[in-house]
């Protein structure tokens, strides 16, 4: 039986543009997922901060002291 150079069924050579497109698509999915997670975290932290500020009593700022002019 002689060895053949035929490729098995379903095996095709992928050109550089297809590889680049696949890589780009995967990268964009990762970037979008990270951005969505970041937005979700930011919203959660913002909501917690607003709730905390709503329950805390408002503290009056102490009046600023003036520097003395005696030198």
C-alpha atoms as a PDB file:
ATOM      1  CA  UNK A   1       0.000   0.000   0.000  1.00  0.00           C
ATOM      2  CA  UNK A   2       1.489   3.305  -1.054  1.00  0.00           C
ATOM      3  CA  UNK A   3       1.370   6.390   1.145  1.00  0.00           C
ATOM      4  CA  UNK A   4      -0.876   9.033  -0.276  1.00  0.00           C
ATOM      5  CA  UNK A   5      -0.589  12.772   0.061  1.00  0.00           C
ATOM      6  CA  UNK A   6      -4.340  13.194   0.266  1.00  0.00           C
ATOM      7  CA  UNK A   7      -5.585  14.967   3.358  1.00  0.00           C
ATOM      8  CA  UNK A   8      -8.191  13.252   5.502  1.00  0.00           C
ATOM      9  CA  UNK A   9     -11.753  14.431   5.051  1.00  0.00           C
ATOM     10  CA  UNK A  10     -12.457  17.749   6.759  1.00  0.00           C
ATOM     11  CA  UNK A  11      -8.824  18.850   6.886  1.00  0.00           C
ATOM     12  CA  UNK A  12      -8.303  22.003   4.877  1.00  0.00           C
ATOM     13  CA  UNK A  13      -5.510  24.499   4.965  1.00  0.00           C
ATOM     14  CA  UNK A  14      -6.455  27.779   6.624  1.00  0.00           C
ATOM     15  CA  UNK A  15      -4.998  30.885   5.048  1.00  0.00           C
ATOM     16  CA  UNK A  16      -3.467  33.770   6.981  1.00  0.00           C
ATOM     17  CA  UNK A  17      -6.545  35.997   6.639  1.00  0.00           C
ATOM     18  CA  UNK A  18      -8.791  33.337   8.141  1.00  0.00           C
ATOM     19  CA  UNK A  19      -6.358  32.809  11.023  1.00  0.00           C
ATOM     20  CA  UNK A  20      -6.207  36.558  11.639  1.00  0.00           C
ATOM     21  CA  UNK A  21      -9.993  36.832  11.549  1.00  0.00           C
ATOM     22  CA  UNK A  22     -10.368  33.951  14.009  1.00  0.00           C
ATOM     23  CA  UNK A  23      -7.798  35.491  16.354  1.00  0.00           C
ATOM     24  CA  UNK A  24      -9.436  38.917  16.070  1.00  0.00           C
ATOM     25  CA  UNK A  25     -12.869  37.484  16.846  1.00  0.00           C
ATOM     26  CA  UNK A  26     -11.563  35.622  19.886  1.00  0.00           C
ATOM     27  CA  UNK A  27      -9.754  38.726  21.137  1.00  0.00           C
ATOM     28  CA  UNK A  28     -12.850  40.890  20.697  1.00  0.00           C
ATOM     29  CA  UNK A  29     -14.970  38.372  22.641  1.00  0.00           C
ATOM     30  CA  UNK A  30     -12.440  38.446  25.505  1.00  0.00           C
ATOM     31  CA  UNK A  31     -12.256  42.258  25.485  1.00  0.00           C
ATOM     32  CA  UNK A  32     -16.058  42.577  25.443  1.00  0.00           C
ATOM     33  CA  UNK A  33     -16.394  40.108  28.317  1.00  0.00           C
ATOM     34  CA  UNK A  34     -13.825  42.015  30.381  1.00  0.00           C
ATOM     35  CA  UNK A  35     -15.515  45.345  29.668  1.00  0.00           C
ATOM     36  CA  UNK A  36     -18.906  43.943  30.680  1.00  0.00           C
ATOM     37  CA  UNK A  37     -17.457  42.546  33.905  1.00  0.00           C
ATOM     38  CA  UNK A  38     -15.773  45.896  34.662  1.00  0.00           C
ATOM     39  CA  UNK A  39     -19.022  47.813  34.085  1.00  0.00           C
ATOM     40  CA  UNK A  40     -20.936  45.375  36.287  1.00  0.00           C
ATOM     41  CA  UNK A  41     -18.372  45.757  39.084  1.00  0.00           C
ATOM     42  CA  UNK A  42     -18.361  49.559  38.762  1.00  0.00           C
ATOM     43  CA  UNK A  43     -22.149  49.701  38.967  1.00  0.00           C
ATOM     44  CA  UNK A  44     -22.181  47.425  42.013  1.00  0.00           C
ATOM     45  CA  UNK A  45     -19.549  49.516  43.817  1.00  0.00           C
ATOM     46  CA  UNK A  46     -21.298  52.776  42.893  1.00  0.00           C
ATOM     47  CA  UNK A  47     -24.603  51.444  44.264  1.00  0.00           C
ATOM     48  CA  UNK A  48     -22.936  50.347  47.532  1.00  0.00           C
ATOM     49  CA  UNK A  49     -21.223  53.734  47.919  1.00  0.00           C
ATOM     50  CA  UNK A  50     -24.486  55.604  47.346  1.00  0.00           C
ATOM     51  CA  UNK A  51     -26.269  53.424  49.914  1.00  0.00           C
ATOM     52  CA  UNK A  52     -23.481  53.961  52.450  1.00  0.00           C
ATOM     53  CA  UNK A  53     -23.479  57.733  51.902  1.00  0.00           C
ATOM     54  CA  UNK A  54     -27.256  57.839  52.299  1.00  0.00           C
ATOM     55  CA  UNK A  55     -27.095  56.178  55.722  1.00  0.00           C
ATOM     56  CA  UNK A  56     -24.106  58.099  57.105  1.00  0.00           C
ATOM     57  CA  UNK A  57     -24.757  61.369  58.934  1.00  0.00           C
ATOM     58  CA  UNK A  58     -23.376  64.406  57.183  1.00  0.00           C
ATOM     59  CA  UNK A  59     -20.359  65.723  59.085  1.00  0.00           C
ATOM     60  CA  UNK A  60     -19.855  69.480  59.157  1.00  0.00           C
ATOM     61  CA  UNK A  61     -16.429  70.562  57.991  1.00  0.00           C
ATOM     62  CA  UNK A  62     -14.347  72.292  60.651  1.00  0.00           C
ATOM     63  CA  UNK A  63     -13.651  75.957  59.904  1.00  0.00           C
ATOM     64  CA  UNK A  64     -10.180  76.598  58.515  1.00  0.00           C
ATOM     65  CA  UNK A  65      -7.705  78.223  60.856  1.00  0.00           C
ATOM     66  CA  UNK A  66      -5.958  81.353  59.747  1.00  0.00           C
ATOM     67  CA  UNK A  67      -2.207  81.577  59.991  1.00  0.00           C
ATOM     68  CA  UNK A  68      -0.904  84.126  62.422  1.00  0.00           C
ATOM     69  CA  UNK A  69       0.992  87.093  61.003  1.00  0.00           C
ATOM     70  CA  UNK A  70       3.441  87.418  63.897  1.00  0.00           C
ATOM     71  CA  UNK A  71       6.915  86.769  62.561  1.00  0.00           C
END
